Amino acid sequence: MGAEYNLNKLKDINQNIFCNKCNTETKHKLLTGINLTSFDGGQHEPTFWTNYDTIQCYGCTTISFRIGESNSEEFDFISGKPELGFPVVRYEYLPKRLYLKKEISKSKIIPPVLIKIYCDVIKAFESNLEYFTAIGIRMIIEKITIDYGASKRGLEGKIRQIHDKGIITEEECLILIKVKDIGNDYAHFNRSHSRNTIKSAIKIIELMLEKIFHLPEHVKSLDRP
């Protein structure tokens, strides 16, 4: 098996990359980069490409690292174009990118305990720890219900209780019960869900946090001169 190394020159990166410190996608530049090409040598054997890049955010100047991988099997043999549905390069970033929603992570209204759990949920998800992500999502739901005075046994009962108090609508109540069940599957039944399902559950929790805590404050501001 053969291998070739090439050094990348300093240059701007054409795509925007998420920056943890800026908490948004920003322009980055490539500080150093090494391209590794691996091959077996046969005419029809696959070729593998790996990029090792040190990158820097133009906004906050934070330096991070990324690894990009691709191979010849993802390209059409005749046209040389990427096969339908395959990415040209898959990137892994170090440290892990934490796609925190600023309206939640920087909120002055949402209780700090809930913000801490939310940030831990995102860290777990970006570290591919779906079990801890699902448990954390369930914890957020339970903390919300307790903060609003729910006292019934079982989380479903607590969710229905805050619905009865007018905190959430009937539709939101049923949605939260479904999301709660995902956490139960991991915690009690050793059943897992797809990463897309967990990601959707996170989006639902983000929307619920903003609706429950931020929306009332926005409504209050409508009455202010």
Foldseek 3Di string as FASTA:
>chain_A
DDKDKDKDDKDWDPDFDQDQVVLGTATKIWPIKMKMWDFPPDPPTKIKIKMWTWMAGPPPRDIWIKIKIAMQVQADPPPRHGDPPDDRIDMAIPPFRQNDDCCQLVPPFQDPVLNVLLSVLSSCLSVVNLLSNLLSLLVSQQVVLVVVPQDDPDSLSSLVVVCVVVLDDPVLSVVVVVSNVQNCCSVPVVDHDDSVVSVVSSVSSVVSSCSRTPVVVVVVVVPPD
